[in-house]
Protein backbone atom coordinates (compact mmCIF):
# COMPACT_ATOMS: atom_id res chain seq x y z
CA MET A 1 0.96 165.99 -24.52
CA ASN A 2 0.95 165.50 -28.23
CA PRO A 3 -2.44 166.87 -29.37
CA THR A 4 -2.47 164.53 -32.36
CA ALA A 5 -2.46 161.35 -30.28
CA ARG A 6 -5.52 159.51 -28.98
CA ASP A 7 -3.96 158.61 -25.63
CA LEU A 8 -4.98 156.93 -22.39
CA THR A 9 -5.05 160.10 -20.33
CA GLY A 10 -7.43 162.14 -18.25
CA ALA A 11 -9.68 161.07 -15.38
CA THR A 12 -9.13 157.69 -13.79
CA LEU A 13 -11.29 154.76 -14.77
CA ASP A 14 -12.53 154.46 -11.20
CA GLU A 15 -13.70 158.08 -11.29
CA THR A 16 -15.33 157.59 -14.68
CA ILE A 17 -17.42 154.56 -13.75
CA ALA A 18 -17.63 154.91 -9.97
CA HIS A 19 -21.42 155.14 -10.03
CA VAL A 20 -21.91 152.05 -12.20
CA PRO A 21 -23.70 149.50 -9.96
CA ASN A 22 -21.92 146.28 -9.12
CA GLU A 23 -24.78 144.02 -10.20
CA ARG A 24 -23.04 140.80 -9.24
CA LYS A 25 -19.59 139.28 -9.12
CA ALA A 26 -18.10 138.73 -12.59
CA GLN A 27 -18.50 135.16 -13.72
CA ALA A 28 -15.38 133.25 -14.69
CA GLY A 29 -17.03 131.25 -17.44
CA PRO A 30 -16.38 127.56 -18.05
CA GLU A 31 -13.85 126.30 -15.55
CA GLY A 32 -10.63 124.98 -17.02
CA ALA A 33 -11.36 126.39 -20.47
CA ASP A 34 -8.19 126.38 -22.52
CA ALA A 35 -8.29 129.79 -24.17
CA MET A 36 -4.68 130.56 -24.96
CA ALA A 37 -5.34 130.32 -28.69
CA GLU A 38 -8.21 131.44 -30.84
CA ASN A 39 -8.89 128.14 -32.59
CA GLN A 40 -9.53 124.97 -30.63
CA PRO A 41 -7.80 121.78 -31.88
CA ARG A 42 -10.75 119.79 -33.19
CA GLY A 43 -9.50 117.29 -35.72
CA GLN A 44 -6.38 119.33 -36.38
CA ARG A 45 -2.93 117.80 -36.79
CA PHE A 46 -0.22 119.36 -34.68
CA MET A 47 3.51 119.07 -34.98
CA PHE A 48 4.10 117.65 -31.49
CA ALA A 49 2.18 114.92 -29.65
CA SER A 50 1.31 114.63 -25.98
CA GLY A 51 4.31 113.39 -24.00
CA SER A 52 6.90 114.69 -26.46
CA ARG A 53 9.80 116.91 -25.38
CA PRO A 54 10.65 119.19 -28.31
CA LEU A 55 12.29 121.67 -25.95
CA GLU A 56 14.70 120.60 -23.24
CA GLY A 57 13.16 120.88 -19.80
CA TYR A 58 9.52 120.78 -20.96
CA THR A 59 7.00 118.02 -21.65
CA ILE A 60 3.98 118.69 -23.83
CA LYS A 61 0.69 117.59 -22.31
CA ARG A 62 -1.66 118.58 -25.12
CA ALA A 63 -2.18 120.99 -27.98
CA ILE A 64 -4.26 124.04 -27.15
CA GLY A 65 -4.79 125.64 -30.53
CA ARG A 66 -3.43 127.26 -33.62
CA GLY A 67 -3.20 130.91 -34.68
CA GLY A 68 -1.67 133.03 -37.40
CA PHE A 69 1.79 132.66 -35.81
CA GLY A 70 1.85 128.87 -35.41
CA GLU A 71 0.78 126.51 -32.60
CA VAL A 72 0.26 126.67 -28.83
CA TYR A 73 0.73 123.78 -26.41
CA TYR A 74 0.04 123.23 -22.74
CA ALA A 75 3.22 121.87 -21.15
CA THR A 76 4.93 121.37 -17.82
CA SER A 77 8.53 122.03 -16.89
CA ASP A 78 10.69 119.39 -15.26
CA ALA A 79 10.11 121.30 -12.02
CA GLY A 80 6.34 120.90 -12.45
CA LYS A 81 5.50 124.44 -13.55
CA GLU A 82 2.60 124.81 -15.98
CA VAL A 83 3.43 126.87 -19.08
CA ALA A 84 2.18 127.56 -22.56
CA LEU A 85 4.64 126.83 -25.36
CA LYS A 86 4.06 128.92 -28.45
CA LEU A 87 5.72 127.39 -31.51
CA ILE A 88 6.45 130.09 -34.07
CA THR A 89 6.08 128.72 -37.60
CA ARG A 90 5.41 131.93 -39.54
CA ASN A 91 6.92 135.42 -39.62
CA LEU A 92 9.70 134.19 -37.35
CA GLU A 93 11.84 137.32 -37.32
CA VAL A 94 8.89 139.66 -36.79
CA GLU A 95 7.61 137.51 -33.93
CA ARG A 96 11.08 137.16 -32.44
CA ARG A 97 11.60 140.94 -32.36
CA GLY A 98 8.18 141.48 -30.83
CA VAL A 99 8.73 138.88 -28.14
CA LEU A 100 12.21 140.08 -27.22
CA GLN A 101 11.02 143.64 -26.67
CA CYS A 102 8.19 142.39 -24.44
CA MET A 103 10.06 139.86 -22.30
CA ASN A 104 10.89 142.35 -19.55
CA LEU A 105 7.33 143.63 -19.21
CA LYS A 106 5.86 142.69 -15.84
CA ASN A 107 2.26 143.59 -15.11
CA PRO A 108 -0.60 141.58 -13.59
CA HIS A 109 -2.76 142.35 -16.62
CA LEU A 110 -0.30 140.94 -19.17
CA ILE A 111 0.27 137.25 -19.80
CA THR A 112 3.90 136.89 -18.77
CA ILE A 113 6.49 135.96 -21.39
CA HIS A 114 9.12 133.89 -19.60
CA ASP A 115 11.64 133.11 -22.33
CA LEU A 116 12.35 132.58 -26.02
CA LYS A 117 14.25 129.41 -26.95
CA THR A 118 15.24 127.48 -30.07
CA ASN A 119 15.79 123.70 -30.04
CA ASP A 120 18.44 121.72 -31.92
CA GLU A 121 16.10 121.31 -34.90
CA GLY A 122 15.68 125.05 -35.25
CA ASP A 123 12.14 125.24 -33.84
CA THR A 124 11.56 128.48 -31.93
CA PHE A 125 9.30 128.52 -28.87
CA VAL A 126 7.95 131.31 -26.71
CA ILE A 127 7.58 130.11 -23.12
CA MET A 128 4.61 131.90 -21.57
CA GLU A 129 2.43 131.95 -18.51
CA TYR A 130 -0.33 129.35 -18.83
CA VAL A 131 -3.87 130.71 -18.47
CA SER A 132 -6.70 128.23 -17.96
CA GLY A 133 -9.50 130.76 -17.60
CA PRO A 134 -11.93 131.80 -20.34
CA SER A 135 -11.33 134.37 -23.03
CA LEU A 136 -13.64 137.34 -23.36
CA ALA A 137 -14.72 135.85 -26.69
CA GLN A 138 -15.95 132.75 -24.85
CA VAL A 139 -17.72 134.84 -22.23
CA LEU A 140 -19.45 136.91 -24.91
CA GLN A 141 -20.75 133.73 -26.53
CA GLN A 142 -22.57 133.02 -23.27
CA HIS A 143 -24.03 136.55 -23.18
CA PRO A 144 -25.36 137.29 -26.69
CA ASN A 145 -27.08 140.47 -25.49
CA GLY A 146 -24.10 141.86 -23.62
CA LEU A 147 -22.50 141.38 -20.21
CA PRO A 148 -23.84 142.58 -16.85
CA LEU A 149 -22.36 145.98 -16.03
CA ALA A 150 -20.32 144.57 -13.15
CA GLU A 151 -18.57 142.23 -15.56
CA VAL A 152 -18.07 145.01 -18.09
CA ARG A 153 -16.39 147.03 -15.37
CA THR A 154 -14.04 144.16 -14.47
CA TRP A 155 -12.97 143.50 -18.06
CA LEU A 156 -12.63 147.18 -18.97
CA LYS A 157 -10.58 148.09 -15.91
CA GLY A 158 -8.07 145.28 -16.48
CA LEU A 159 -7.88 145.95 -20.21
CA VAL A 160 -7.25 149.66 -19.76
CA GLU A 161 -4.63 149.15 -17.06
CA GLY A 162 -2.78 146.59 -19.16
CA VAL A 163 -2.84 148.75 -22.29
CA ALA A 164 -1.78 151.82 -20.32
CA TYR A 165 1.24 149.85 -19.08
CA LEU A 166 2.15 148.83 -22.63
CA HIS A 167 1.85 152.41 -23.84
CA ASP A 168 3.93 153.68 -20.92
CA HIS A 169 6.69 151.38 -22.18
CA GLY A 170 6.41 152.49 -25.79
CA ILE A 171 4.51 149.41 -26.96
CA VAL A 172 1.40 149.31 -29.15
CA HIS A 173 -0.50 146.02 -28.95
CA ARG A 174 -2.05 146.31 -32.43
CA ASP A 175 -4.33 143.26 -32.13
CA LEU A 176 -6.67 143.85 -29.21
CA LYS A 177 -9.83 141.74 -29.49
CA PRO A 178 -11.93 139.51 -27.19
CA ALA A 179 -10.02 136.36 -28.22
CA ASN A 180 -6.83 137.91 -26.80
CA LEU A 181 -8.29 138.84 -23.40
CA PHE A 182 -8.57 136.32 -20.56
CA LEU A 183 -9.90 136.10 -17.01
CA GLU A 184 -7.71 134.14 -14.61
CA ASP A 185 -8.68 134.03 -10.92
CA GLY A 186 -10.62 137.26 -11.32
CA ILE A 187 -7.74 139.10 -13.03
CA VAL A 188 -8.00 140.25 -16.64
CA LYS A 189 -4.95 139.36 -18.69
CA ILE A 190 -3.95 140.53 -22.16
CA GLY A 191 -2.31 138.01 -24.45
CA ASP A 192 -0.77 137.83 -27.90
CA TYR A 193 1.18 141.04 -27.57
CA GLY A 194 4.11 139.39 -29.34
CA LEU A 195 2.72 141.16 -32.40
CA SER A 196 3.27 144.42 -30.56
CA LYS A 197 5.75 146.86 -31.97
CA ALA A 198 7.94 149.53 -30.45
CA ILE A 199 6.49 152.89 -31.42
CA ALA A 200 9.88 154.10 -32.58
CA HIS A 201 9.92 151.38 -35.24
CA SER A 202 6.24 151.37 -36.21
CA ARG A 203 6.53 153.26 -39.49
CA GLU A 204 8.85 151.33 -41.75
CA PRO A 205 8.68 152.43 -45.41
CA GLY A 206 5.95 150.57 -47.25
CA HIS A 207 4.72 148.86 -44.11
CA SER A 208 0.95 148.55 -44.44
CA GLU A 209 -0.10 144.97 -43.76
CA SER A 210 -3.25 144.40 -41.75
CA VAL A 211 -2.55 142.88 -38.33
CA GLY A 212 -5.88 143.09 -36.52
CA THR A 213 -9.21 141.40 -36.89
CA CYS A 214 -11.20 143.75 -39.11
CA HIS A 215 -13.97 144.42 -36.58
CA TYR A 216 -11.46 146.00 -34.18
CA MET A 217 -9.27 147.90 -36.65
CA ALA A 218 -9.02 151.68 -36.41
CA PRO A 219 -9.54 153.65 -39.65
CA GLU A 220 -5.93 154.82 -39.76
CA ILE A 221 -4.64 151.24 -40.02
CA SER A 222 -5.69 151.37 -43.68
CA THR A 223 -2.90 153.91 -44.20
CA GLY A 224 -0.31 151.87 -42.31
CA LYS A 225 -0.39 153.78 -39.01
CA TYR A 226 0.28 151.57 -36.00
CA HIS A 227 0.36 153.96 -33.05
CA LYS A 228 -1.31 154.27 -29.63
CA PRO A 229 -4.65 155.50 -31.01
CA ILE A 230 -5.38 152.18 -32.70
CA ASP A 231 -5.40 150.43 -29.32
CA ILE A 232 -7.83 153.02 -27.93
CA TYR A 233 -10.11 152.48 -30.91
CA ALA A 234 -10.04 148.72 -30.32
CA ILE A 235 -10.90 149.26 -26.65
CA GLY A 236 -13.92 151.29 -27.77
CA VAL A 237 -15.08 148.47 -30.05
CA ILE A 238 -14.59 145.86 -27.32
CA LEU A 239 -16.48 148.01 -24.80
CA TYR A 240 -19.36 148.41 -27.26
CA GLU A 241 -19.44 144.65 -27.80
CA MET A 242 -19.41 143.90 -24.07
CA LEU A 243 -22.36 146.25 -23.53
CA THR A 244 -24.50 145.12 -26.47
CA GLY A 245 -23.30 141.67 -27.53
CA ARG A 246 -22.42 142.90 -31.02
CA VAL A 247 -19.69 144.94 -32.66
CA PRO A 248 -20.52 148.50 -33.77
CA PHE A 249 -19.57 147.90 -37.41
CA ASP A 250 -20.38 144.65 -39.16
CA GLY A 251 -20.85 143.45 -42.72
CA GLU A 252 -20.79 140.47 -45.04
CA THR A 253 -17.28 141.17 -46.31
CA VAL A 254 -14.07 142.52 -44.84
CA GLY A 255 -14.23 145.42 -47.28
CA GLU A 256 -17.71 146.38 -46.09
CA VAL A 257 -16.62 146.35 -42.45
CA LEU A 258 -13.51 148.42 -43.17
CA MET A 259 -15.56 150.97 -45.11
CA LYS A 260 -17.88 151.38 -42.13
CA HIS A 261 -14.87 151.98 -39.89
CA LEU A 262 -13.87 154.77 -42.26
CA THR A 263 -17.25 156.42 -42.83
CA SER A 264 -20.00 155.28 -40.43
CA ARG A 265 -20.89 156.44 -36.94
CA PRO A 266 -21.70 153.86 -34.26
CA ASP A 267 -25.24 153.59 -32.93
CA LEU A 268 -24.79 154.79 -29.35
CA ALA A 269 -28.45 154.58 -28.35
CA PRO A 270 -28.17 151.12 -26.69
CA LEU A 271 -25.26 152.21 -24.47
CA PRO A 272 -25.73 153.35 -20.87
CA GLU A 273 -23.88 156.29 -19.41
CA PRO A 274 -21.05 156.82 -18.66
CA TYR A 275 -20.00 154.38 -21.36
CA ARG A 276 -21.78 156.16 -24.19
CA GLY A 277 -19.40 159.11 -24.07
CA ILE A 278 -16.35 156.88 -23.69
CA VAL A 279 -17.25 154.84 -26.77
CA ALA A 280 -18.09 157.95 -28.80
CA ARG A 281 -14.66 159.44 -28.16
CA ALA A 282 -12.78 156.16 -28.58
CA LEU A 283 -14.39 155.56 -31.97
CA ALA A 284 -13.93 159.09 -33.31
CA LYS A 285 -12.76 158.95 -36.93
CA ASP A 286 -10.21 161.68 -36.28
CA PRO A 287 -7.66 160.51 -33.67
CA ASN A 288 -7.13 164.18 -32.74
CA LEU A 289 -10.64 164.25 -31.26
CA ALA A 290 -10.44 161.07 -29.27
CA LEU A 291 -8.68 161.96 -26.04
CA ILE A 292 -10.70 159.73 -23.75
CA PRO A 293 -10.77 159.67 -19.92
CA ILE A 294 -10.45 155.94 -19.28
CA CYS A 295 -6.94 155.71 -17.91
CA ARG A 296 -5.96 154.04 -14.68
CA GLY A 297 -4.93 156.54 -12.03
CA ARG A 298 -1.29 157.65 -12.15
CA ARG A 299 -0.88 158.07 -8.43
């Protein structure tokens, strides 16, 4: 093991939280909530209307939302299969590379990427699994003081198993946050990993753009490091937020939040064990110190 990496290794998650009581079955949130994109389409103008067929074999039913990459639509195939069509309108080549390297990833905790296609007009679409369940961001809005521990356990277990799978395949997600996590039929699914990057290519000269929401960004991102430890840090922030209803570092400006990531320690007092120790290690400023035992079992 590389001692400089904050990796998903050690005791299994089940062993770590085995004694956490199952208070009640995790709630699925609002049924039928379209949560495949962070911003809901209220009064927004989208490129394609309901009933249009911008990609052969697929009919758009409605717009779902818009993100930093472009637009997302709910559509059906000619065979009747529900899908999400992600129209890439920005950073096309970066997105294309990320999607292509992730297309062969198959894991129940990842939103499946089916295909990448370009129409005759040059529009590029990612064809993805459609998820109708709520995002963790939506669930957190319903629980301003934090989730019941049984629900925390469900979300954390699925998140860790999905991230461990990505890391096993040399992929760093780089943008883990509640808006990119979904619950579908009781299964946690990670989305928006098209921004992911193969570790072997994660340190291009001069590459230092910010790619994560500032509340979930590890300190080393400020120096352009996009490696496994930044995902572990984000998991720690998400876990803290699930337990308390708030992020560990907040501020009125992005700069203030980023400075707290670099210099401040999280208030661990509100956290129950065993999560207090997990969060403390995940949010260590020095990645060398943050080997945390939250991995799925490698049986």
